[in-house]
């Protein structure tokens, strides 16, 4: 009988562990980060994010299940007192997350071994690649810059890029071993970081001869600890650039400009007089008309893009395309069909309203830009946002500031989730927004119902950032 009850409780414990495993995966399998945020996370069985059963997650689940079997059957088999068994059930229930983390710690040496094997294979593949290799890093705009550069270069070269927002060593491994072809002429790699040494590791794997450093600022501040650490980590791209390589710097950003001045090898400044830059920008619901300066010559262009920060990323991409041999005519021709990266100030017009999707990985500069763009449109304006995360000690301050910006940028404000609810609410009130125009939603269903009641024909709806399910 004890075996039967033990099996039932084992199945129960395993089933309710689903949100723990999902949150651990969303945390990047980072045990320290998970422990730090264990009381902050949300624990949803249903949500927009699903547990992805990768090989790594499967190995973790097998180890976790083994520990649950070992622990559960040990007291159901060897204890005869029902009260002691009940106490053990309660203790095991409370300790499910620590048991999952113990399983992660047990399999971590094996995971490191697998990772090192993949990295060795990827490094060999990358060293054999005869084409040009370009590294892109920065705090903001990496994916947009990568996508713009790829679209421009594809007019002349066969281009391979890291898919989506893959920007880790394993993402680079996947690209090198599964995506890169022998006849590709250019490889563009996005490089992300959460701690010192991350960019150095990626640079050592790729060994590029070209690089782009986009805007540098307080992104992932919680994991880095300080803005100085972020700056040093992003500069690793410069420190590990191959001899004779060239780097484009987004000098519209003061921090990046400081790094440009520090770097003493081949370099190009974008978004400054004398470099590639945009001017006389006029926005509309279809994009913008502007002038682009290349080699100090002005060209009038129409772009299916909105937002000044987006255009700064594009200026960096154009600068690199020019270095790689595209002439002005080829570049201008490529700009005509340029599309924004998904979920990054992406215009999604329809017959009823205009939607601006800026839901990917927001930052304060990008959010300010998005709010500016909303005001360029006519019609009632609605902004939906959960605020900014991973901002360390500046979390409340930056979200209060964002709330103030949103408060003067729209007619209706829907605050998503609980994480930054108070800071956004207080900021919007401080900006003079009426309390009846501020709304709250905890789920997509609630958000949808609110939008349905608030939207009118001709409305403009901005989705500013989106949080995974592990945030409340």
Protein backbone atom coordinates (compact mmCIF):
# COMPACT_ATOMS: atom_id res chain seq x y z
CA UNK A 1 0.00 0.00 0.00
CA UNK A 2 2.86 2.37 0.85
CA UNK A 3 4.33 1.82 -2.63
CA UNK A 4 1.01 2.83 -4.24
CA UNK A 5 0.73 6.03 -2.18
CA UNK A 6 4.39 6.75 -2.77
CA UNK A 7 3.86 6.46 -6.52
CA UNK A 8 0.84 8.78 -6.40
CA UNK A 9 2.79 11.44 -4.49
CA UNK A 10 5.76 10.99 -6.82
CA UNK A 11 3.53 11.68 -9.85
CA UNK A 12 2.03 14.69 -8.03
CA UNK A 13 5.44 16.16 -7.13
CA UNK A 14 6.73 15.63 -10.65
CA UNK A 15 3.65 17.25 -12.24
CA UNK A 16 3.69 20.39 -10.08
CA UNK A 17 7.39 20.89 -10.84
CA UNK A 18 6.60 22.03 -14.39
CA UNK A 19 6.72 25.81 -13.62
CA UNK A 20 9.96 25.35 -11.64
CA UNK A 21 11.65 23.69 -14.61
CA UNK A 22 10.25 26.32 -16.98
CA UNK A 23 11.53 29.20 -14.83
CA UNK A 24 14.93 27.55 -14.54
CA UNK A 25 15.10 27.28 -18.33
CA UNK A 26 13.99 30.92 -18.72
CA UNK A 27 16.79 31.83 -16.28
CA UNK A 28 19.34 30.34 -18.65
CA UNK A 29 20.01 27.33 -16.39
CA UNK A 30 21.79 29.77 -14.06
CA UNK A 31 21.58 28.37 -10.51
CA UNK A 32 22.78 31.57 -8.78
CA UNK A 33 20.36 33.75 -10.72
CA UNK A 34 17.48 31.37 -9.98
CA UNK A 35 18.22 31.32 -6.24
CA UNK A 36 18.47 35.13 -6.19
CA UNK A 37 15.04 35.49 -7.79
CA UNK A 38 13.27 32.44 -6.38
CA UNK A 39 10.77 34.57 -4.42
CA UNK A 40 10.32 37.05 -7.28
CA UNK A 41 9.39 34.58 -10.00
CA UNK A 42 5.85 33.79 -11.09
CA UNK A 43 4.87 30.14 -11.30
CA UNK A 44 2.43 29.60 -14.17
CA UNK A 45 1.38 26.26 -15.63
CA UNK A 46 -0.18 28.06 -18.57
CA UNK A 47 1.35 31.11 -20.20
CA UNK A 48 3.00 32.45 -23.31
CA UNK A 49 6.25 30.61 -22.56
CA UNK A 50 6.29 26.82 -22.68
CA UNK A 51 8.93 24.46 -21.36
CA UNK A 52 11.14 23.49 -24.30
CA UNK A 53 12.27 19.87 -24.05
CA UNK A 54 15.80 20.33 -25.33
CA UNK A 55 18.38 17.61 -24.80
CA UNK A 56 19.77 19.61 -21.88
CA UNK A 57 16.35 19.95 -20.23
CA UNK A 58 15.66 16.25 -20.81
CA UNK A 59 18.89 15.32 -19.02
CA UNK A 60 17.99 17.61 -16.13
CA UNK A 61 14.48 16.15 -15.86
CA UNK A 62 15.81 12.58 -15.82
CA UNK A 63 18.20 13.43 -12.97
CA UNK A 64 15.47 15.31 -11.09
CA UNK A 65 13.04 12.40 -11.47
CA UNK A 66 15.70 10.00 -10.19
CA UNK A 67 16.17 12.15 -7.05
CA UNK A 68 12.40 12.35 -6.50
CA UNK A 69 12.10 8.57 -6.80
CA UNK A 70 14.99 8.07 -4.39
CA UNK A 71 13.63 10.50 -1.79
CA UNK A 72 9.93 9.63 -2.05
CA UNK A 73 10.24 5.84 -1.93
CA UNK A 74 12.85 5.98 0.83
CA UNK A 75 10.40 7.25 3.44
CA UNK A 76 7.30 5.48 2.08
CA UNK A 77 9.15 2.13 2.22
CA UNK A 78 11.23 2.48 5.40
CA UNK A 79 8.88 4.48 7.65
CA UNK A 80 5.82 2.89 9.22
CA UNK A 81 4.51 5.88 11.17
CA UNK A 82 1.87 7.75 9.14
CA UNK A 83 2.65 11.06 10.89
CA UNK A 84 6.34 10.81 9.99
CA UNK A 85 5.44 9.97 6.40
CA UNK A 86 3.08 12.98 6.27
CA UNK A 87 5.84 15.21 7.66
CA UNK A 88 8.26 13.91 5.01
CA UNK A 89 5.70 14.59 2.27
CA UNK A 90 5.36 18.20 3.46
CA UNK A 91 9.15 18.64 3.66
CA UNK A 92 9.67 17.19 0.18
CA UNK A 93 6.92 19.45 -1.20
CA UNK A 94 8.65 22.53 0.27
CA UNK A 95 12.04 21.39 -1.05
CA UNK A 96 11.04 20.63 -4.65
CA UNK A 97 12.88 23.64 -6.03
CA UNK A 98 16.09 22.97 -4.06
CA UNK A 99 15.92 19.36 -5.31
CA UNK A 100 15.66 20.65 -8.90
CA UNK A 101 18.70 22.86 -8.31
CA UNK A 102 20.55 19.89 -6.79
CA UNK A 103 19.81 17.93 -9.96
CA UNK A 104 21.14 20.85 -12.01
CA UNK A 105 24.32 20.89 -9.92
CA UNK A 106 24.76 17.13 -10.38
CA UNK A 107 24.47 17.27 -14.18
CA UNK A 108 26.47 20.51 -14.53
CA UNK A 109 29.91 18.81 -14.95
CA UNK A 110 28.45 16.69 -17.75
CA UNK A 111 26.86 19.80 -19.32
CA UNK A 112 30.20 21.61 -19.20
CA UNK A 113 31.85 18.65 -20.92
CA UNK A 114 29.18 18.63 -23.67
CA UNK A 115 29.53 22.40 -24.05
CA UNK A 116 33.32 22.18 -24.37
CA UNK A 117 32.98 19.49 -27.08
CA UNK A 118 30.54 21.65 -29.06
CA UNK A 119 32.78 24.69 -28.69
CA UNK A 120 35.83 22.73 -29.90
CA UNK A 121 33.91 21.52 -32.97
CA UNK A 122 32.53 25.02 -33.64
CA UNK A 123 35.96 26.65 -33.32
CA UNK A 124 37.38 24.20 -35.85
CA UNK A 125 34.50 24.91 -38.26
CA UNK A 126 34.89 28.67 -37.83
CA UNK A 127 38.66 28.52 -38.34
CA UNK A 128 38.08 26.72 -41.65
CA UNK A 129 35.61 29.36 -42.84
CA UNK A 130 37.30 31.42 -45.57
CA UNK A 131 34.82 34.29 -45.67
CA UNK A 132 34.67 37.53 -43.69
CA UNK A 133 33.54 37.33 -40.05
CA UNK A 134 31.78 40.24 -38.34
CA UNK A 135 31.09 40.52 -34.60
CA UNK A 136 28.35 42.81 -33.25
CA UNK A 137 27.91 43.71 -29.60
CA UNK A 138 26.57 46.51 -27.43
CA UNK A 139 23.81 46.92 -24.87
CA UNK A 140 21.11 47.94 -27.32
CA UNK A 141 20.44 47.47 -31.03
CA UNK A 142 22.54 44.36 -31.69
CA UNK A 143 19.83 42.32 -33.42
CA UNK A 144 18.52 45.28 -35.44
CA UNK A 145 22.05 46.15 -36.61
CA UNK A 146 22.72 42.51 -37.53
CA UNK A 147 19.47 42.21 -39.51
CA UNK A 148 20.01 45.52 -41.32
CA UNK A 149 23.59 44.62 -42.22
CA UNK A 150 22.55 41.19 -43.51
CA UNK A 151 19.78 42.66 -45.69
CA UNK A 152 22.19 45.21 -47.20
CA UNK A 153 25.06 42.78 -47.79
CA UNK A 154 22.76 40.19 -49.37
CA UNK A 155 22.55 42.46 -52.40
CA UNK A 156 26.15 41.53 -53.19
CA UNK A 157 27.26 38.60 -51.01
CA UNK A 158 25.99 35.27 -49.69
CA UNK A 159 25.44 36.02 -46.01
CA UNK A 160 24.97 33.84 -42.93
CA UNK A 161 23.86 35.27 -39.57
CA UNK A 162 23.23 33.90 -36.11
CA UNK A 163 19.47 33.10 -36.07
CA UNK A 164 16.95 35.22 -34.15
CA UNK A 165 18.68 36.66 -31.09
CA UNK A 166 21.17 33.78 -30.62
CA UNK A 167 24.12 35.52 -28.97
CA UNK A 168 25.72 32.99 -26.61
CA UNK A 169 28.57 30.48 -27.10
CA UNK A 170 26.04 27.69 -27.68
CA UNK A 171 24.14 29.91 -30.12
CA UNK A 172 27.36 30.47 -32.04
CA UNK A 173 28.04 26.71 -31.98
CA UNK A 174 24.59 26.02 -33.42
CA UNK A 175 25.19 28.60 -36.15
CA UNK A 176 28.64 27.26 -37.05
CA UNK A 177 27.64 23.59 -37.06
CA UNK A 178 24.08 23.73 -38.41
CA UNK A 179 23.54 27.00 -40.30
CA UNK A 180 26.86 28.07 -41.86
CA UNK A 181 27.43 26.79 -45.41
CA UNK A 182 30.71 26.32 -47.27
CA UNK A 183 29.71 28.80 -49.97
CA UNK A 184 28.76 31.59 -47.54
CA UNK A 185 30.94 34.65 -48.02
CA UNK A 186 30.12 36.58 -44.85
CA UNK A 187 29.23 35.46 -41.32
CA UNK A 188 27.58 38.01 -39.00
CA UNK A 189 27.55 37.08 -35.32
CA UNK A 190 25.58 38.83 -32.58
CA UNK A 191 27.34 38.70 -29.21
CA UNK A 192 25.50 39.05 -25.90
CA UNK A 193 26.86 39.16 -22.36
CA UNK A 194 25.69 39.00 -18.77
CA UNK A 195 29.06 39.02 -17.05
CA UNK A 196 32.71 39.92 -17.62
CA UNK A 197 34.50 37.59 -20.04
CA UNK A 198 31.42 36.60 -22.09
CA UNK A 199 32.38 38.71 -25.12
CA UNK A 200 36.02 37.65 -24.84
CA UNK A 201 34.96 33.98 -25.03
CA UNK A 202 32.84 34.60 -28.13
CA UNK A 203 35.61 36.62 -29.80
CA UNK A 204 38.11 33.84 -29.10
CA UNK A 205 35.75 31.36 -30.76
CA UNK A 206 34.97 33.51 -33.81
CA UNK A 207 38.24 35.43 -34.34
CA UNK A 208 36.61 38.10 -36.54
CA UNK A 209 38.31 40.79 -38.58
CA UNK A 210 35.35 43.20 -38.45
CA UNK A 211 33.20 44.44 -35.61
CA UNK A 212 30.40 46.83 -34.68
CA UNK A 213 29.94 48.33 -31.21
CA UNK A 214 26.39 49.69 -30.83
CA UNK A 215 25.08 51.84 -27.95
CA UNK A 216 26.37 50.80 -24.51
CA UNK A 217 24.33 51.42 -21.37
CA UNK A 218 22.53 49.99 -18.35
CA UNK A 219 21.15 46.77 -19.80
CA UNK A 220 21.35 43.56 -17.69
CA UNK A 221 22.59 45.78 -14.87
CA UNK A 222 21.42 43.25 -12.30
CA UNK A 223 23.77 40.53 -13.56
CA UNK A 224 26.70 42.85 -14.34
CA UNK A 225 26.55 44.73 -11.06
CA UNK A 226 27.67 48.12 -12.41
CA UNK A 227 27.73 50.21 -15.57
CA UNK A 228 31.53 50.15 -15.44
CA UNK A 229 31.47 46.35 -15.68
CA UNK A 230 29.15 46.57 -18.70
CA UNK A 231 31.51 49.03 -20.39
CA UNK A 232 34.57 46.85 -19.76
CA UNK A 233 32.79 43.74 -21.03
CA UNK A 234 31.62 45.36 -24.27
CA UNK A 235 35.15 46.69 -24.87
CA UNK A 236 36.34 43.07 -24.97
CA UNK A 237 35.27 43.15 -28.64
CA UNK A 238 37.99 45.74 -29.25
CA UNK A 239 40.60 43.99 -27.12
CA UNK A 240 40.16 40.67 -28.95
CA UNK A 241 39.74 41.95 -32.50
CA UNK A 242 42.11 40.24 -34.94
CA UNK A 243 45.13 42.23 -36.04
CA UNK A 244 44.30 44.59 -38.88
CA UNK A 245 40.56 44.40 -38.18
CA UNK A 246 38.14 47.33 -38.44
CA UNK A 247 35.47 48.35 -35.93
CA UNK A 248 32.44 50.63 -36.40
CA UNK A 249 31.36 52.58 -33.31
CA UNK A 250 27.94 54.16 -32.69
CA UNK A 251 29.26 57.53 -31.56
CA UNK A 252 25.77 58.91 -30.94
CA UNK A 253 26.12 57.07 -27.60
CA UNK A 254 28.49 58.89 -25.24
CA UNK A 255 29.80 55.68 -23.69
CA UNK A 256 30.48 54.11 -27.09
CA UNK A 257 32.10 57.35 -28.22
CA UNK A 258 34.43 57.16 -25.22
CA UNK A 259 35.38 53.60 -26.23
CA UNK A 260 35.96 54.82 -29.80
CA UNK A 261 38.41 57.43 -28.53
CA UNK A 262 40.16 54.79 -26.43
CA UNK A 263 40.59 52.33 -29.31
CA UNK A 264 43.76 53.04 -31.30
CA UNK A 265 43.49 50.67 -34.28
CA UNK A 266 41.34 50.74 -37.45
CA UNK A 267 38.03 52.36 -36.56
CA UNK A 268 35.05 54.18 -38.07
CA UNK A 269 32.64 56.52 -36.30
CA UNK A 270 28.95 56.34 -37.24
CA UNK A 271 26.25 58.88 -36.37
CA UNK A 272 28.62 61.85 -36.34
CA UNK A 273 29.51 64.57 -38.84
CA UNK A 274 31.83 63.06 -41.42
CA UNK A 275 30.48 59.54 -40.84
CA UNK A 276 27.32 57.78 -41.93
CA UNK A 277 24.33 59.50 -40.36
CA UNK A 278 20.68 60.37 -40.95
CA UNK A 279 19.20 63.86 -41.01
CA UNK A 280 15.96 65.72 -41.83
CA UNK A 281 13.81 62.80 -40.69
CA UNK A 282 10.04 62.94 -41.26
CA UNK A 283 7.88 60.10 -39.94
CA UNK A 284 4.55 58.77 -41.12
CA UNK A 285 2.40 55.68 -40.57
CA UNK A 286 4.33 53.99 -43.40
CA UNK A 287 7.86 54.75 -42.14
CA UNK A 288 10.03 57.79 -42.72
CA UNK A 289 11.63 60.04 -45.32
CA UNK A 290 15.12 61.28 -44.57
CA UNK A 291 18.59 62.06 -45.83
CA UNK A 292 21.50 59.70 -45.35
CA UNK A 293 25.08 60.94 -45.50
CA UNK A 294 27.65 58.50 -46.91
CA UNK A 295 31.18 59.77 -47.51
CA UNK A 296 29.85 63.27 -46.77
CA UNK A 297 27.37 62.99 -49.68
CA UNK A 298 23.65 63.36 -49.02
CA UNK A 299 21.04 60.98 -50.46
CA UNK A 300 17.26 61.19 -50.00
CA UNK A 301 15.69 57.87 -49.00
CA UNK A 302 12.31 56.44 -47.98
CA UNK A 303 12.44 53.77 -45.28
CA UNK A 304 9.86 51.39 -43.83
CA UNK A 305 11.27 52.19 -40.39
CA UNK A 306 10.40 54.46 -37.48
CA UNK A 307 12.48 55.63 -34.53
CA UNK A 308 15.72 57.57 -34.17
CA UNK A 309 17.51 54.73 -32.32
CA UNK A 310 16.64 52.31 -35.13
CA UNK A 311 18.21 54.71 -37.64
CA UNK A 312 21.37 54.89 -35.54
CA UNK A 313 21.63 51.11 -35.74
CA UNK A 314 21.11 51.34 -39.49
CA UNK A 315 23.89 53.94 -39.78
CA UNK A 316 26.28 51.45 -38.15
CA UNK A 317 25.19 48.74 -40.59
CA UNK A 318 25.67 51.06 -43.58
CA UNK A 319 29.13 52.03 -42.30
CA UNK A 320 30.17 48.38 -42.19
CA UNK A 321 28.64 47.67 -45.62
CA UNK A 322 30.73 50.53 -47.02
CA UNK A 323 33.88 49.07 -45.45
CA UNK A 324 33.06 45.70 -47.05
CA UNK A 325 32.96 47.15 -50.54
CA UNK A 326 29.38 48.15 -51.30
CA UNK A 327 29.19 51.45 -53.14
CA UNK A 328 26.65 54.20 -52.45
CA UNK A 329 24.33 53.11 -55.26
CA UNK A 330 24.18 49.51 -53.99
CA UNK A 331 23.54 50.68 -50.43
CA UNK A 332 20.76 53.12 -51.37
CA UNK A 333 19.10 50.42 -53.48
CA UNK A 334 19.24 47.99 -50.55
CA UNK A 335 17.64 50.53 -48.19
CA UNK A 336 14.43 50.64 -50.25
CA UNK A 337 13.32 47.16 -49.19
CA UNK A 338 14.77 47.18 -45.66
CA UNK A 339 12.54 45.60 -42.99
CA UNK A 340 12.82 46.04 -39.20
CA UNK A 341 13.64 43.08 -36.98
CA UNK A 342 10.48 41.47 -35.56
CA UNK A 343 9.16 43.06 -32.33
CA UNK A 344 11.50 46.04 -32.60
CA UNK A 345 9.39 49.10 -33.45
CA UNK A 346 7.64 46.98 -36.04
CA UNK A 347 4.68 48.69 -37.70
CA UNK A 348 1.67 46.39 -38.01
CA UNK A 349 -1.11 48.49 -39.58
CA UNK A 350 -4.56 47.03 -40.16
CA UNK A 351 -7.95 48.34 -41.23
CA UNK A 352 -9.06 49.14 -37.67
CA UNK A 353 -5.96 50.49 -35.91
CA UNK A 354 -2.17 50.79 -36.09
CA UNK A 355 -0.10 48.50 -33.87
CA UNK A 356 3.53 49.26 -33.05
CA UNK A 357 5.24 46.12 -31.77
CA UNK A 358 8.25 47.04 -29.65
CA UNK A 359 7.88 44.10 -27.31
CA UNK A 360 11.40 42.68 -27.40
CA UNK A 361 13.81 43.38 -24.54
CA UNK A 362 13.05 47.04 -23.86
CA UNK A 363 15.45 49.61 -22.42
CA UNK A 364 14.86 53.18 -21.31
CA UNK A 365 16.31 54.75 -24.49
CA UNK A 366 14.30 52.47 -26.74
CA UNK A 367 11.14 53.07 -24.69
CA UNK A 368 11.59 56.84 -24.93
CA UNK A 369 12.03 56.50 -28.69
CA UNK A 370 8.90 54.36 -29.00
CA UNK A 371 6.83 56.87 -27.02
CA UNK A 372 8.10 59.65 -29.29
CA UNK A 373 7.00 57.61 -32.31
CA UNK A 374 3.50 57.10 -30.91
CA UNK A 375 3.00 60.86 -30.70
CA UNK A 376 3.71 61.18 -34.44
CA UNK A 377 0.46 59.36 -35.22
CA UNK A 378 -3.05 60.81 -35.11
CA UNK A 379 -5.87 59.06 -33.28
CA UNK A 380 -6.34 57.79 -29.70
CA UNK A 381 -3.13 56.37 -28.26
CA UNK A 382 -2.83 53.30 -26.03
CA UNK A 383 0.42 52.01 -24.55
CA UNK A 384 0.75 48.53 -23.04
CA UNK A 385 3.88 47.88 -20.96
CA UNK A 386 5.15 45.80 -18.03
CA UNK A 387 8.15 48.14 -17.67
CA UNK A 388 11.85 47.32 -17.60
CA UNK A 389 13.63 44.47 -15.79
CA UNK A 390 17.18 43.50 -14.83
CA UNK A 391 17.97 47.11 -13.92
CA UNK A 392 19.52 46.34 -10.52
CA UNK A 393 19.34 49.19 -8.00
CA UNK A 394 17.91 51.48 -10.70
CA UNK A 395 14.84 49.31 -11.31
CA UNK A 396 12.31 51.54 -9.52
CA UNK A 397 13.95 54.78 -10.68
CA UNK A 398 13.97 53.82 -14.37
CA UNK A 399 10.42 52.46 -14.32
CA UNK A 400 9.17 55.58 -12.54
CA UNK A 401 10.84 57.60 -15.30
CA UNK A 402 9.25 55.36 -17.94
CA UNK A 403 5.86 55.82 -16.29
CA UNK A 404 6.26 59.60 -16.53
CA UNK A 405 7.20 59.36 -20.22
CA UNK A 406 4.23 57.12 -20.99
CA UNK A 407 1.95 59.39 -18.95
CA UNK A 408 2.46 62.27 -21.41
CA UNK A 409 2.59 60.08 -24.53
CA UNK A 410 -0.79 58.37 -24.60
CA UNK A 411 -4.46 58.57 -23.70
CA UNK A 412 -4.72 55.13 -22.06
CA UNK A 413 -2.01 53.16 -20.26
CA UNK A 414 -2.27 49.43 -19.54
CA UNK A 415 0.27 48.25 -16.95
CA UNK A 416 1.06 44.57 -17.32
CA UNK A 417 2.21 42.25 -14.52
CA UNK A 418 3.08 43.09 -10.91
CA UNK A 419 6.86 43.49 -11.23
CA UNK A 420 6.93 47.25 -11.93
CA UNK A 421 3.29 48.08 -11.28
CA UNK A 422 3.83 50.65 -8.52
CA UNK A 423 6.74 52.49 -10.17
CA UNK A 424 4.93 52.80 -13.50
CA UNK A 425 1.67 53.84 -11.81
CA UNK A 426 3.30 56.52 -9.66
CA UNK A 427 5.32 57.82 -12.62
CA UNK A 428 2.23 58.14 -14.82
CA UNK A 429 0.35 59.96 -12.03
CA UNK A 430 3.31 62.31 -11.53
CA UNK A 431 3.15 63.16 -15.25
CA UNK A 432 -0.46 64.27 -14.82
CA UNK A 433 -2.24 61.21 -16.20
CA UNK A 434 -5.71 60.72 -14.72
CA UNK A 435 -6.16 57.62 -12.60
CA UNK A 436 -9.15 56.48 -14.68
CA UNK A 437 -6.87 56.29 -17.74
CA UNK A 438 -4.47 53.85 -16.04
CA UNK A 439 -5.44 50.19 -16.21
CA UNK A 440 -3.95 46.93 -14.91
CA UNK A 441 -3.74 43.45 -16.39
CA UNK A 442 -2.01 40.31 -15.13
CA UNK A 443 -2.64 38.03 -18.09
CA UNK A 444 -2.87 38.23 -21.87
CA UNK A 445 -6.61 37.49 -21.56
CA UNK A 446 -7.16 40.49 -19.28
CA UNK A 447 -5.01 42.64 -21.56
CA UNK A 448 -7.05 41.60 -24.60
CA UNK A 449 -10.34 42.42 -22.87
CA UNK A 450 -9.06 45.86 -21.85
CA UNK A 451 -7.77 46.63 -25.34
CA UNK A 452 -11.10 45.61 -26.85
CA UNK A 453 -12.93 48.03 -24.58
CA UNK A 454 -10.47 50.91 -25.12
CA UNK A 455 -9.73 50.66 -28.83
CA UNK A 456 -11.50 52.85 -31.36
CA UNK A 457 -11.18 53.01 -35.11
CA UNK A 458 -7.90 54.77 -35.91
CA UNK A 459 -6.33 53.99 -32.52
CA UNK A 460 -2.56 53.60 -32.21
CA UNK A 461 -1.46 50.77 -29.87
CA UNK A 462 2.15 50.46 -28.70
CA UNK A 463 3.33 47.24 -27.04
CA UNK A 464 6.43 48.37 -25.15
CA UNK A 465 8.37 45.36 -23.86
CA UNK A 466 7.09 41.94 -22.88
CA UNK A 467 8.18 39.78 -19.95
CA UNK A 468 8.54 35.99 -19.85
CA UNK A 469 6.32 33.97 -17.52
CA UNK A 470 8.86 33.89 -14.70
CA UNK A 471 8.09 37.54 -13.86
CA UNK A 472 5.03 38.35 -11.78
